[in-house]
Amino acid sequence: MNEFERWQGRFAASDYVFGTQPNAFLKSQAPLLRAGARALAVADGEGRNGVWLAEQGLVVTAVDFSPNGQAKAHKLAAERGVSIETQLSDLADWEWPESTFDVVAAIFIQFCAPPVREKIFAGIRRTLKSAGLLLMQGYRPEQLAYKTGGPSQIENLYTSELLRRYFGDWEIVQLKEHDSAISEGSGHGGMSALIDLVARKPSVG
């Protein structure tokens, strides 16, 4: 079974694998968001984060490669009285539009090996507008001991050093490593080794 088949299978169930509530870290960044801003939700799956961003008044594009996930995202958006745009694409092949988004939300997108991660991080750098905001949360290598979610490949996990390597030339508003209990559906639950990044792309002009 390849990754596409695996995620299509996970998202085929009627329940939401990671729940319908937004990621707690993302929600905590609400004061930084402004209505009318354009937001990109990366690998948004069943839509919990993209829908929440739309509820805050942002104009949301959610990218994912699972049709099953995106169908559930639209269903969730309709139930919440908002709308989101979805684009069906493998992120390794997606054409990241240049200087298009005010906010990029990249929450637990560690399904890819380092070569694809390079493309995705380069895409994030490309697609954010001047002074745009990156909101990212992921697992650290210590997560392998907790086994409460995330990939089993250590090379897919984040460290502060790794994130600084890619985004250290931006304004680092927050870079925090912590162990915290999370509850996000059946997919993520329990004590977890997390890392949070809030970074702002430099202003031009």
N, C-alpha and C. Protein backbone atom coordinates (compact mmCIF):
# COMPACT_ATOMS: atom_id res chain seq x y z
N MET A 1 0.84 -1.20 0.00
CA MET A 1 0.00 0.00 0.00
C MET A 1 0.88 1.25 0.00
N ASN A 2 0.65 2.14 -0.97
CA ASN A 2 1.44 3.37 -1.00
C ASN A 2 0.80 4.43 -0.10
N GLU A 3 1.46 5.60 -0.01
CA GLU A 3 0.99 6.63 0.91
C GLU A 3 -0.39 7.16 0.50
N PHE A 4 -0.60 7.31 -0.79
CA PHE A 4 -1.91 7.79 -1.24
C PHE A 4 -3.01 6.83 -0.81
N GLU A 5 -2.81 5.56 -1.03
CA GLU A 5 -3.82 4.56 -0.66
C GLU A 5 -4.03 4.52 0.85
N ARG A 6 -2.94 4.69 1.59
CA ARG A 6 -3.04 4.65 3.05
C ARG A 6 -3.90 5.80 3.57
N TRP A 7 -3.65 7.02 3.05
CA TRP A 7 -4.42 8.17 3.52
C TRP A 7 -5.84 8.14 2.99
N GLN A 8 -6.04 7.70 1.79
CA GLN A 8 -7.40 7.56 1.28
C GLN A 8 -8.19 6.60 2.17
N GLY A 9 -7.54 5.52 2.59
CA GLY A 9 -8.19 4.56 3.47
C GLY A 9 -8.51 5.15 4.83
N ARG A 10 -7.56 5.89 5.40
CA ARG A 10 -7.78 6.50 6.72
C ARG A 10 -8.92 7.51 6.66
N PHE A 11 -8.98 8.28 5.57
CA PHE A 11 -9.99 9.33 5.47
C PHE A 11 -11.33 8.81 4.95
N ALA A 12 -11.42 7.52 4.62
CA ALA A 12 -12.67 6.96 4.13
C ALA A 12 -13.69 6.78 5.25
N ALA A 13 -13.23 6.69 6.48
CA ALA A 13 -14.14 6.50 7.62
C ALA A 13 -14.99 7.74 7.82
N SER A 14 -16.15 7.55 8.44
CA SER A 14 -17.06 8.67 8.66
C SER A 14 -16.55 9.63 9.73
N ASP A 15 -15.80 9.11 10.70
CA ASP A 15 -15.26 10.00 11.73
C ASP A 15 -14.02 10.73 11.20
N TYR A 16 -13.63 11.79 11.89
CA TYR A 16 -12.49 12.59 11.48
C TYR A 16 -11.25 12.11 12.24
N VAL A 17 -10.26 11.63 11.50
CA VAL A 17 -9.10 10.97 12.10
C VAL A 17 -8.42 11.85 13.14
N PHE A 18 -8.28 13.14 12.83
CA PHE A 18 -7.62 14.07 13.75
C PHE A 18 -8.63 15.02 14.41
N GLY A 19 -9.89 14.64 14.39
CA GLY A 19 -10.92 15.45 15.01
C GLY A 19 -11.35 16.60 14.11
N THR A 20 -12.28 17.40 14.62
CA THR A 20 -12.81 18.53 13.86
C THR A 20 -12.41 19.87 14.46
N GLN A 21 -11.70 19.83 15.59
CA GLN A 21 -11.25 21.07 16.21
C GLN A 21 -9.85 21.43 15.71
N PRO A 22 -9.51 22.71 15.67
CA PRO A 22 -8.20 23.10 15.15
C PRO A 22 -7.08 22.65 16.08
N ASN A 23 -5.92 22.56 15.53
CA ASN A 23 -4.71 22.31 16.30
C ASN A 23 -4.56 23.41 17.36
N ALA A 24 -4.23 23.01 18.59
CA ALA A 24 -4.19 23.96 19.71
C ALA A 24 -3.15 25.06 19.50
N PHE A 25 -1.98 24.70 18.95
CA PHE A 25 -0.96 25.71 18.67
C PHE A 25 -1.48 26.72 17.66
N LEU A 26 -2.08 26.24 16.59
CA LEU A 26 -2.61 27.15 15.58
C LEU A 26 -3.65 28.08 16.20
N LYS A 27 -4.55 27.52 16.97
CA LYS A 27 -5.59 28.33 17.61
C LYS A 27 -4.99 29.42 18.50
N SER A 28 -3.88 29.09 19.16
CA SER A 28 -3.25 30.06 20.07
C SER A 28 -2.68 31.26 19.33
N GLN A 29 -2.52 31.15 18.01
CA GLN A 29 -1.95 32.24 17.23
C GLN A 29 -3.02 33.16 16.65
N ALA A 30 -4.26 32.99 17.08
CA ALA A 30 -5.37 33.80 16.57
C ALA A 30 -5.10 35.30 16.63
N PRO A 31 -4.45 35.82 17.70
CA PRO A 31 -4.21 37.27 17.72
C PRO A 31 -3.35 37.80 16.57
N LEU A 32 -2.60 36.91 15.91
CA LEU A 32 -1.75 37.33 14.80
C LEU A 32 -2.48 37.36 13.46
N LEU A 33 -3.70 36.85 13.44
CA LEU A 33 -4.44 36.71 12.19
C LEU A 33 -5.36 37.90 11.98
N ARG A 34 -5.60 38.23 10.71
CA ARG A 34 -6.52 39.33 10.41
C ARG A 34 -7.52 38.88 9.34
N ALA A 35 -8.74 39.25 9.55
CA ALA A 35 -9.80 38.91 8.60
C ALA A 35 -9.46 39.46 7.22
N GLY A 36 -9.74 38.67 6.20
CA GLY A 36 -9.48 39.09 4.83
C GLY A 36 -8.13 38.65 4.30
N ALA A 37 -7.24 38.23 5.19
CA ALA A 37 -5.92 37.75 4.76
C ALA A 37 -6.08 36.42 4.02
N ARG A 38 -5.16 36.16 3.12
CA ARG A 38 -5.16 34.88 2.40
C ARG A 38 -4.29 33.87 3.12
N ALA A 39 -4.84 32.70 3.35
CA ALA A 39 -4.13 31.66 4.10
C ALA A 39 -4.03 30.38 3.29
N LEU A 40 -2.90 29.73 3.42
CA LEU A 40 -2.68 28.42 2.81
C LEU A 40 -2.56 27.39 3.92
N ALA A 41 -3.41 26.37 3.89
CA ALA A 41 -3.32 25.26 4.83
C ALA A 41 -2.68 24.08 4.12
N VAL A 42 -1.47 23.75 4.53
CA VAL A 42 -0.65 22.75 3.84
C VAL A 42 -1.02 21.35 4.32
N ALA A 43 -1.27 20.44 3.36
CA ALA A 43 -1.62 19.06 3.70
C ALA A 43 -2.72 19.05 4.76
N ASP A 44 -3.83 19.71 4.44
CA ASP A 44 -4.88 19.97 5.44
C ASP A 44 -5.83 18.81 5.65
N GLY A 45 -5.66 17.73 4.91
CA GLY A 45 -6.43 16.52 5.17
C GLY A 45 -7.93 16.76 5.19
N GLU A 46 -8.56 16.46 6.33
CA GLU A 46 -10.01 16.56 6.47
C GLU A 46 -10.48 17.97 6.83
N GLY A 47 -9.55 18.92 6.89
CA GLY A 47 -9.94 20.32 6.90
C GLY A 47 -10.06 21.03 8.23
N ARG A 48 -9.71 20.38 9.34
CA ARG A 48 -9.98 21.00 10.64
C ARG A 48 -9.27 22.36 10.79
N ASN A 49 -8.06 22.48 10.28
CA ASN A 49 -7.32 23.74 10.44
C ASN A 49 -7.74 24.78 9.41
N GLY A 50 -7.92 24.36 8.17
CA GLY A 50 -8.37 25.30 7.15
C GLY A 50 -9.74 25.87 7.46
N VAL A 51 -10.64 25.03 7.94
CA VAL A 51 -11.98 25.50 8.29
C VAL A 51 -11.91 26.50 9.44
N TRP A 52 -11.08 26.22 10.43
CA TRP A 52 -10.95 27.16 11.54
C TRP A 52 -10.40 28.50 11.06
N LEU A 53 -9.42 28.47 10.17
CA LEU A 53 -8.90 29.73 9.62
C LEU A 53 -9.99 30.50 8.90
N ALA A 54 -10.85 29.79 8.16
CA ALA A 54 -11.96 30.46 7.48
C ALA A 54 -12.93 31.05 8.49
N GLU A 55 -13.11 30.38 9.61
CA GLU A 55 -13.99 30.90 10.66
C GLU A 55 -13.44 32.19 11.26
N GLN A 56 -12.14 32.39 11.15
CA GLN A 56 -11.53 33.64 11.64
C GLN A 56 -11.60 34.76 10.61
N GLY A 57 -12.22 34.46 9.47
CA GLY A 57 -12.40 35.47 8.44
C GLY A 57 -11.33 35.48 7.37
N LEU A 58 -10.44 34.49 7.36
CA LEU A 58 -9.40 34.43 6.34
C LEU A 58 -9.93 33.76 5.08
N VAL A 59 -9.31 34.06 3.97
CA VAL A 59 -9.64 33.44 2.68
C VAL A 59 -8.68 32.26 2.52
N VAL A 60 -9.22 31.05 2.55
CA VAL A 60 -8.39 29.85 2.75
C VAL A 60 -8.31 29.00 1.49
N THR A 61 -7.08 28.61 1.17
CA THR A 61 -6.81 27.55 0.20
C THR A 61 -6.18 26.38 0.95
N ALA A 62 -6.76 25.21 0.81
CA ALA A 62 -6.25 24.01 1.47
C ALA A 62 -5.76 23.03 0.41
N VAL A 63 -4.52 22.61 0.55
CA VAL A 63 -3.92 21.68 -0.42
C VAL A 63 -3.73 20.33 0.23
N ASP A 64 -4.16 19.28 -0.47
CA ASP A 64 -3.95 17.91 0.01
C ASP A 64 -4.08 16.98 -1.19
N PHE A 65 -3.54 15.77 -1.04
CA PHE A 65 -3.59 14.84 -2.18
C PHE A 65 -4.71 13.81 -2.05
N SER A 66 -5.51 13.89 -0.99
CA SER A 66 -6.56 12.90 -0.76
C SER A 66 -7.94 13.44 -1.11
N PRO A 67 -8.60 12.91 -2.14
CA PRO A 67 -9.96 13.33 -2.44
C PRO A 67 -10.91 13.05 -1.27
N ASN A 68 -10.72 11.93 -0.59
CA ASN A 68 -11.58 11.62 0.56
C ASN A 68 -11.43 12.68 1.65
N GLY A 69 -10.20 13.09 1.91
CA GLY A 69 -9.97 14.11 2.91
C GLY A 69 -10.62 15.42 2.52
N GLN A 70 -10.48 15.82 1.27
CA GLN A 70 -11.02 17.11 0.85
C GLN A 70 -12.55 17.10 0.82
N ALA A 71 -13.15 15.97 0.51
CA ALA A 71 -14.61 15.89 0.57
C ALA A 71 -15.09 16.13 2.00
N LYS A 72 -14.37 15.58 2.96
CA LYS A 72 -14.75 15.78 4.36
C LYS A 72 -14.46 17.22 4.80
N ALA A 73 -13.44 17.82 4.24
CA ALA A 73 -13.13 19.22 4.55
C ALA A 73 -14.27 20.13 4.10
N HIS A 74 -14.79 19.90 2.89
CA HIS A 74 -15.91 20.71 2.40
C HIS A 74 -17.16 20.46 3.24
N LYS A 75 -17.37 19.23 3.66
CA LYS A 75 -18.52 18.91 4.50
C LYS A 75 -18.41 19.65 5.83
N LEU A 76 -17.21 19.64 6.43
CA LEU A 76 -17.00 20.34 7.70
C LEU A 76 -17.20 21.85 7.53
N ALA A 77 -16.69 22.40 6.44
CA ALA A 77 -16.86 23.83 6.18
C ALA A 77 -18.33 24.18 6.06
N ALA A 78 -19.10 23.37 5.35
CA ALA A 78 -20.53 23.64 5.19
C ALA A 78 -21.24 23.59 6.54
N GLU A 79 -20.86 22.63 7.37
CA GLU A 79 -21.48 22.52 8.69
C GLU A 79 -21.16 23.73 9.56
N ARG A 80 -19.99 24.33 9.34
CA ARG A 80 -19.57 25.49 10.13
C ARG A 80 -19.99 26.82 9.50
N GLY A 81 -20.59 26.77 8.33
CA GLY A 81 -21.07 27.98 7.69
C GLY A 81 -19.99 28.82 7.03
N VAL A 82 -18.91 28.18 6.60
CA VAL A 82 -17.83 28.89 5.89
C VAL A 82 -17.51 28.13 4.61
N SER A 83 -16.66 28.71 3.80
CA SER A 83 -16.22 28.03 2.58
C SER A 83 -14.70 28.09 2.49
N ILE A 84 -14.13 27.08 1.89
CA ILE A 84 -12.69 27.04 1.62
C ILE A 84 -12.48 26.58 0.19
N GLU A 85 -11.38 27.02 -0.39
CA GLU A 85 -10.96 26.49 -1.69
C GLU A 85 -10.04 25.32 -1.43
N THR A 86 -10.21 24.24 -2.17
CA THR A 86 -9.28 23.12 -2.06
C THR A 86 -8.59 22.89 -3.39
N GLN A 87 -7.33 22.50 -3.29
CA GLN A 87 -6.57 22.11 -4.47
C GLN A 87 -6.03 20.71 -4.22
N LEU A 88 -6.33 19.82 -5.15
CA LEU A 88 -5.94 18.42 -5.03
C LEU A 88 -4.58 18.23 -5.68
N SER A 89 -3.56 17.98 -4.85
CA SER A 89 -2.22 17.86 -5.39
C SER A 89 -1.29 17.20 -4.38
N ASP A 90 -0.34 16.45 -4.89
CA ASP A 90 0.80 16.01 -4.09
C ASP A 90 1.71 17.21 -3.90
N LEU A 91 2.07 17.49 -2.67
CA LEU A 91 2.87 18.69 -2.41
C LEU A 91 4.23 18.66 -3.08
N ALA A 92 4.73 17.47 -3.37
CA ALA A 92 6.02 17.37 -4.06
C ALA A 92 5.93 17.93 -5.48
N ASP A 93 4.71 17.96 -6.03
CA ASP A 93 4.53 18.40 -7.41
C ASP A 93 3.76 19.71 -7.53
N TRP A 94 3.24 20.22 -6.41
CA TRP A 94 2.40 21.42 -6.47
C TRP A 94 3.21 22.63 -6.88
N GLU A 95 2.61 23.48 -7.72
CA GLU A 95 3.26 24.72 -8.12
C GLU A 95 2.94 25.80 -7.09
N TRP A 96 3.87 26.03 -6.19
CA TRP A 96 3.65 27.01 -5.13
C TRP A 96 3.62 28.41 -5.74
N PRO A 97 2.47 29.09 -5.75
CA PRO A 97 2.41 30.40 -6.41
C PRO A 97 3.22 31.44 -5.65
N GLU A 98 3.94 32.24 -6.38
CA GLU A 98 4.88 33.17 -5.75
C GLU A 98 4.15 34.34 -5.07
N SER A 99 4.56 34.65 -3.84
CA SER A 99 4.09 35.83 -3.10
C SER A 99 2.57 35.95 -3.14
N THR A 100 1.90 34.89 -2.72
CA THR A 100 0.44 34.82 -2.84
C THR A 100 -0.28 34.86 -1.50
N PHE A 101 0.32 34.29 -0.45
CA PHE A 101 -0.40 34.11 0.80
C PHE A 101 0.18 34.98 1.92
N ASP A 102 -0.72 35.43 2.78
CA ASP A 102 -0.31 36.19 3.96
C ASP A 102 0.07 35.27 5.11
N VAL A 103 -0.51 34.08 5.13
CA VAL A 103 -0.29 33.11 6.20
C VAL A 103 -0.14 31.73 5.60
N VAL A 104 0.81 30.97 6.07
CA VAL A 104 0.92 29.55 5.75
C VAL A 104 0.84 28.77 7.06
N ALA A 105 -0.11 27.85 7.14
CA ALA A 105 -0.24 26.96 8.29
C ALA A 105 0.25 25.58 7.88
N ALA A 106 1.31 25.12 8.53
CA ALA A 106 1.92 23.83 8.22
C ALA A 106 1.96 23.01 9.50
N ILE A 107 0.90 22.27 9.74
CA ILE A 107 0.71 21.57 11.00
C ILE A 107 0.89 20.07 10.78
N PHE A 108 1.91 19.49 11.41
CA PHE A 108 2.18 18.05 11.32
C PHE A 108 2.22 17.57 9.87
N ILE A 109 3.15 18.14 9.10
CA ILE A 109 3.26 17.77 7.68
C ILE A 109 4.51 16.90 7.46
N GLN A 110 4.80 16.03 8.43
CA GLN A 110 6.07 15.30 8.43
C GLN A 110 5.98 13.92 7.80
N PHE A 111 5.12 13.80 6.81
CA PHE A 111 4.92 12.54 6.09
C PHE A 111 5.99 12.32 5.03
N CYS A 112 6.82 13.31 4.77
CA CYS A 112 7.74 13.24 3.63
C CYS A 112 9.20 13.16 4.08
N ALA A 113 9.98 12.48 3.27
CA ALA A 113 11.41 12.35 3.52
C ALA A 113 12.12 13.67 3.23
N PRO A 114 13.36 13.84 3.71
CA PRO A 114 14.07 15.12 3.56
C PRO A 114 14.10 15.71 2.15
N PRO A 115 14.29 14.92 1.06
CA PRO A 115 14.31 15.56 -0.26
C PRO A 115 12.99 16.27 -0.61
N VAL A 116 11.86 15.67 -0.25
CA VAL A 116 10.57 16.31 -0.51
C VAL A 116 10.36 17.46 0.47
N ARG A 117 10.81 17.29 1.69
CA ARG A 117 10.71 18.39 2.67
C ARG A 117 11.45 19.62 2.15
N GLU A 118 12.58 19.43 1.51
CA GLU A 118 13.32 20.56 0.92
C GLU A 118 12.43 21.32 -0.05
N LYS A 119 11.70 20.59 -0.90
CA LYS A 119 10.83 21.22 -1.88
C LYS A 119 9.69 21.97 -1.20
N ILE A 120 9.12 21.35 -0.17
CA ILE A 120 8.00 21.97 0.53
C ILE A 120 8.45 23.24 1.25
N PHE A 121 9.57 23.17 1.95
CA PHE A 121 10.05 24.36 2.66
C PHE A 121 10.42 25.47 1.68
N ALA A 122 11.00 25.10 0.54
CA ALA A 122 11.29 26.10 -0.49
C ALA A 122 10.00 26.70 -1.03
N GLY A 123 8.97 25.86 -1.16
CA GLY A 123 7.68 26.34 -1.62
C GLY A 123 7.04 27.31 -0.63
N ILE A 124 7.17 27.02 0.65
CA ILE A 124 6.64 27.92 1.68
C ILE A 124 7.34 29.27 1.58
N ARG A 125 8.65 29.24 1.44
CA ARG A 125 9.40 30.49 1.34
C ARG A 125 8.96 31.28 0.10
N ARG A 126 8.66 30.59 -0.95
CA ARG A 126 8.28 31.24 -2.20
C ARG A 126 6.87 31.83 -2.12
N THR A 127 5.94 31.09 -1.53
CA THR A 127 4.53 31.44 -1.65
C THR A 127 4.07 32.50 -0.66
N LEU A 128 4.81 32.69 0.45
CA LEU A 128 4.44 33.73 1.40
C LEU A 128 4.76 35.12 0.83
N LYS A 129 3.84 36.05 1.06
CA LYS A 129 4.09 37.43 0.68
C LYS A 129 5.14 38.07 1.58
N SER A 130 5.61 39.22 1.20
CA SER A 130 6.46 40.03 2.07
C SER A 130 5.74 40.24 3.40
N ALA A 131 6.45 40.02 4.49
CA ALA A 131 5.91 40.14 5.86
C ALA A 131 4.89 39.06 6.18
N GLY A 132 4.80 38.01 5.34
CA GLY A 132 3.88 36.91 5.60
C GLY A 132 4.30 36.07 6.79
N LEU A 133 3.34 35.33 7.32
CA LEU A 133 3.51 34.62 8.58
C LEU A 133 3.47 33.11 8.37
N LEU A 134 4.47 32.41 8.89
CA LEU A 134 4.49 30.95 8.89
C LEU A 134 4.15 30.44 10.28
N LEU A 135 3.15 29.58 10.35
CA LEU A 135 2.74 28.94 11.60
C LEU A 135 2.95 27.43 11.42
N MET A 136 3.92 26.87 12.13
CA MET A 136 4.31 25.48 11.93
C MET A 136 4.41 24.75 13.27
N GLN A 137 3.81 23.57 13.33
CA GLN A 137 4.05 22.70 14.47
C GLN A 137 4.37 21.30 13.96
N GLY A 138 5.34 20.66 14.63
CA GLY A 138 5.70 19.31 14.26
C GLY A 138 6.21 18.54 15.46
N TYR A 139 6.60 17.31 15.18
CA TYR A 139 7.17 16.44 16.20
C TYR A 139 8.69 16.50 16.17
N ARG A 140 9.29 16.39 17.35
CA ARG A 140 10.74 16.27 17.49
C ARG A 140 11.14 14.79 17.53
N PRO A 141 12.43 14.48 17.39
CA PRO A 141 12.87 13.08 17.41
C PRO A 141 12.46 12.33 18.68
N GLU A 142 12.33 13.04 19.79
CA GLU A 142 11.92 12.39 21.03
C GLU A 142 10.51 11.78 20.95
N GLN A 143 9.76 12.15 19.93
CA GLN A 143 8.42 11.60 19.75
C GLN A 143 8.44 10.10 19.51
N LEU A 144 9.54 9.59 19.00
CA LEU A 144 9.62 8.15 18.71
C LEU A 144 9.47 7.32 19.98
N ALA A 145 9.84 7.89 21.13
CA ALA A 145 9.68 7.16 22.40
C ALA A 145 8.22 7.21 22.88
N TYR A 146 7.54 8.31 22.60
CA TYR A 146 6.14 8.44 23.04
C TYR A 146 5.20 7.57 22.22
N LYS A 147 5.43 7.51 20.91
CA LYS A 147 4.59 6.69 20.01
C LYS A 147 3.12 7.09 20.10
N THR A 148 2.86 8.38 20.14
CA THR A 148 1.48 8.87 20.25
C THR A 148 1.04 9.59 18.98
N GLY A 149 1.70 9.32 17.89
CA GLY A 149 1.36 9.95 16.61
C GLY A 149 2.61 10.31 15.85
N GLY A 150 2.41 10.62 14.57
CA GLY A 150 3.54 11.05 13.75
C GLY A 150 4.26 9.91 13.07
N PRO A 151 5.25 10.25 12.25
CA PRO A 151 5.98 9.25 11.48
C PRO A 151 6.97 8.47 12.35
N SER A 152 7.35 7.31 11.87
CA SER A 152 8.33 6.49 12.58
C SER A 152 9.75 6.72 12.07
N GLN A 153 9.91 7.54 11.04
CA GLN A 153 11.22 7.81 10.46
C GLN A 153 11.83 9.04 11.16
N ILE A 154 12.93 8.85 11.85
CA ILE A 154 13.53 9.94 12.61
C ILE A 154 13.95 11.10 11.71
N GLU A 155 14.31 10.80 10.47
CA GLU A 155 14.78 11.86 9.57
C GLU A 155 13.64 12.80 9.17
N ASN A 156 12.40 12.40 9.39
CA ASN A 156 11.27 13.27 9.05
C ASN A 156 10.94 14.27 10.15
N LEU A 157 11.53 14.11 11.32
CA LEU A 157 11.17 14.92 12.47
C LEU A 157 12.01 16.18 12.55
N TYR A 158 11.53 17.17 13.31
CA TYR A 158 12.14 18.50 13.33
C TYR A 158 12.95 18.72 14.60
N THR A 159 14.01 19.48 14.45
CA THR A 159 14.75 20.04 15.58
C THR A 159 14.82 21.55 15.39
N SER A 160 15.16 22.26 16.45
CA SER A 160 15.31 23.71 16.32
C SER A 160 16.38 24.05 15.30
N GLU A 161 17.47 23.28 15.30
CA GLU A 161 18.56 23.53 14.36
C GLU A 161 18.09 23.39 12.92
N LEU A 162 17.28 22.36 12.65
CA LEU A 162 16.79 22.15 11.30
C LEU A 162 15.91 23.31 10.85
N LEU A 163 14.98 23.74 11.70
CA LEU A 163 14.08 24.82 11.32
C LEU A 163 14.83 26.14 11.16
N ARG A 164 15.84 26.37 11.98
CA ARG A 164 16.65 27.57 11.82
C ARG A 164 17.44 27.53 10.51
N ARG A 165 17.82 26.34 10.09
CA ARG A 165 18.56 26.21 8.85
C ARG A 165 17.73 26.71 7.67
N TYR A 166 16.42 26.46 7.70
CA TYR A 166 15.56 26.84 6.59
C TYR A 166 14.94 28.22 6.75
N PHE A 167 14.70 28.63 7.99
CA PHE A 167 13.94 29.87 8.20
C PHE A 167 14.65 30.84 9.14
N GLY A 168 15.92 30.59 9.43
CA GLY A 168 16.65 31.44 10.37
C GLY A 168 16.93 32.84 9.87
N ASP A 169 16.79 33.07 8.57
CA ASP A 169 16.98 34.42 8.04
C ASP A 169 15.69 35.23 8.10
N TRP A 170 14.61 34.65 8.60
CA TRP A 170 13.36 35.35 8.83
C TRP A 170 13.31 35.81 10.28
N GLU A 171 12.34 36.64 10.61
CA GLU A 171 12.13 37.02 12.00
C GLU A 171 11.50 35.84 12.75
N ILE A 172 12.22 35.28 13.69
CA ILE A 172 11.70 34.17 14.48
C ILE A 172 10.90 34.76 15.64
N VAL A 173 9.60 34.75 15.52
CA VAL A 173 8.73 35.27 16.56
C VAL A 173 8.68 34.29 17.74
N GLN A 174 8.67 33.01 17.41
CA GLN A 174 8.64 31.97 18.44
C GLN A 174 9.24 30.69 17.88
N LEU A 175 10.12 30.08 18.63
CA LEU A 175 10.64 28.75 18.32
C LEU A 175 10.77 28.02 19.65
N LYS A 176 9.88 27.08 19.85
CA LYS A 176 9.75 26.47 21.18
C LYS A 176 9.67 24.96 21.08
N GLU A 177 10.52 24.28 21.84
CA GLU A 177 10.44 22.83 21.99
C GLU A 177 9.76 22.53 23.33
N HIS A 178 8.81 21.62 23.30
CA HIS A 178 8.12 21.28 24.55
C HIS A 178 7.49 19.90 24.45
N ASP A 179 7.25 19.30 25.59
CA ASP A 179 6.51 18.05 25.69
C ASP A 179 5.14 18.39 26.27
N SER A 180 4.09 18.09 25.53
CA SER A 180 2.74 18.45 25.94
C SER A 180 1.77 17.34 25.55
N ALA A 181 0.70 17.23 26.31
CA ALA A 181 -0.36 16.28 25.99
C ALA A 181 -1.28 16.91 24.95
N ILE A 182 -1.59 16.18 23.90
CA ILE A 182 -2.52 16.66 22.89
C ILE A 182 -3.63 15.64 22.71
N SER A 183 -4.75 16.12 22.19
CA SER A 183 -5.90 15.25 21.92
C SER A 183 -6.52 15.70 20.61
N GLU A 184 -6.17 15.01 19.54
CA GLU A 184 -6.64 15.37 18.19
C GLU A 184 -7.17 14.11 17.52
N GLY A 185 -8.40 13.77 17.86
CA GLY A 185 -9.01 12.58 17.29
C GLY A 185 -8.26 11.32 17.67
N SER A 186 -8.42 10.29 16.85
CA SER A 186 -7.71 9.04 17.10
C SER A 186 -6.29 9.07 16.57
N GLY A 187 -5.98 10.08 15.74
CA GLY A 187 -4.67 10.13 15.09
C GLY A 187 -3.56 10.64 15.97
N HIS A 188 -3.85 11.64 16.81
CA HIS A 188 -2.84 12.23 17.69
C HIS A 188 -3.43 12.29 19.10
N GLY A 189 -2.81 11.60 20.04
CA GLY A 189 -3.32 11.66 21.41
C GLY A 189 -2.28 11.26 22.43
N GLY A 190 -2.20 12.03 23.51
CA GLY A 190 -1.27 11.70 24.58
C GLY A 190 -0.07 12.63 24.61
N MET A 191 0.84 12.35 25.52
CA MET A 191 2.05 13.15 25.66
C MET A 191 2.88 13.08 24.38
N SER A 192 3.33 14.25 23.93
CA SER A 192 3.99 14.34 22.63
C SER A 192 5.17 15.30 22.70
N ALA A 193 6.21 15.00 21.92
CA ALA A 193 7.39 15.85 21.83
C ALA A 193 7.21 16.79 20.65
N LEU A 194 6.94 18.06 20.94
CA LEU A 194 6.51 19.00 19.92
C LEU A 194 7.53 20.12 19.72
N ILE A 195 7.41 20.78 18.59
CA ILE A 195 8.18 21.99 18.32
C ILE A 195 7.28 22.95 17.57
N ASP A 196 7.27 24.20 18.02
CA ASP A 196 6.42 25.24 17.44
C ASP A 196 7.30 26.31 16.81
N LEU A 197 6.91 26.74 15.62
CA LEU A 197 7.62 27.83 14.95
C LEU A 197 6.62 28.87 14.46
N VAL A 198 6.86 30.10 14.85
CA VAL A 198 6.16 31.25 14.28
C VAL A 198 7.24 32.14 13.68
N ALA A 199 7.21 32.32 12.38
CA ALA A 199 8.26 33.09 11.70
C ALA A 199 7.62 34.03 10.69
N ARG A 200 8.21 35.23 10.57
CA ARG A 200 7.68 36.23 9.63
C ARG A 200 8.71 36.50 8.54
N LYS A 201 8.26 36.40 7.30
CA LYS A 201 9.13 36.66 6.16
C LYS A 201 9.50 38.14 6.15
N PRO A 202 10.73 38.46 5.83
CA PRO A 202 11.15 39.86 5.82
C PRO A 202 10.30 40.71 4.88
N SER A 203 10.08 41.95 5.29
CA SER A 203 9.34 42.89 4.45
C SER A 203 10.24 43.36 3.31
N VAL A 204 9.63 43.57 2.17
CA VAL A 204 10.34 44.07 1.00
C VAL A 204 9.74 45.42 0.62
N GLY A 205 10.60 46.42 0.51
CA GLY A 205 10.12 47.74 0.12
C GLY A 205 9.57 48.54 1.27
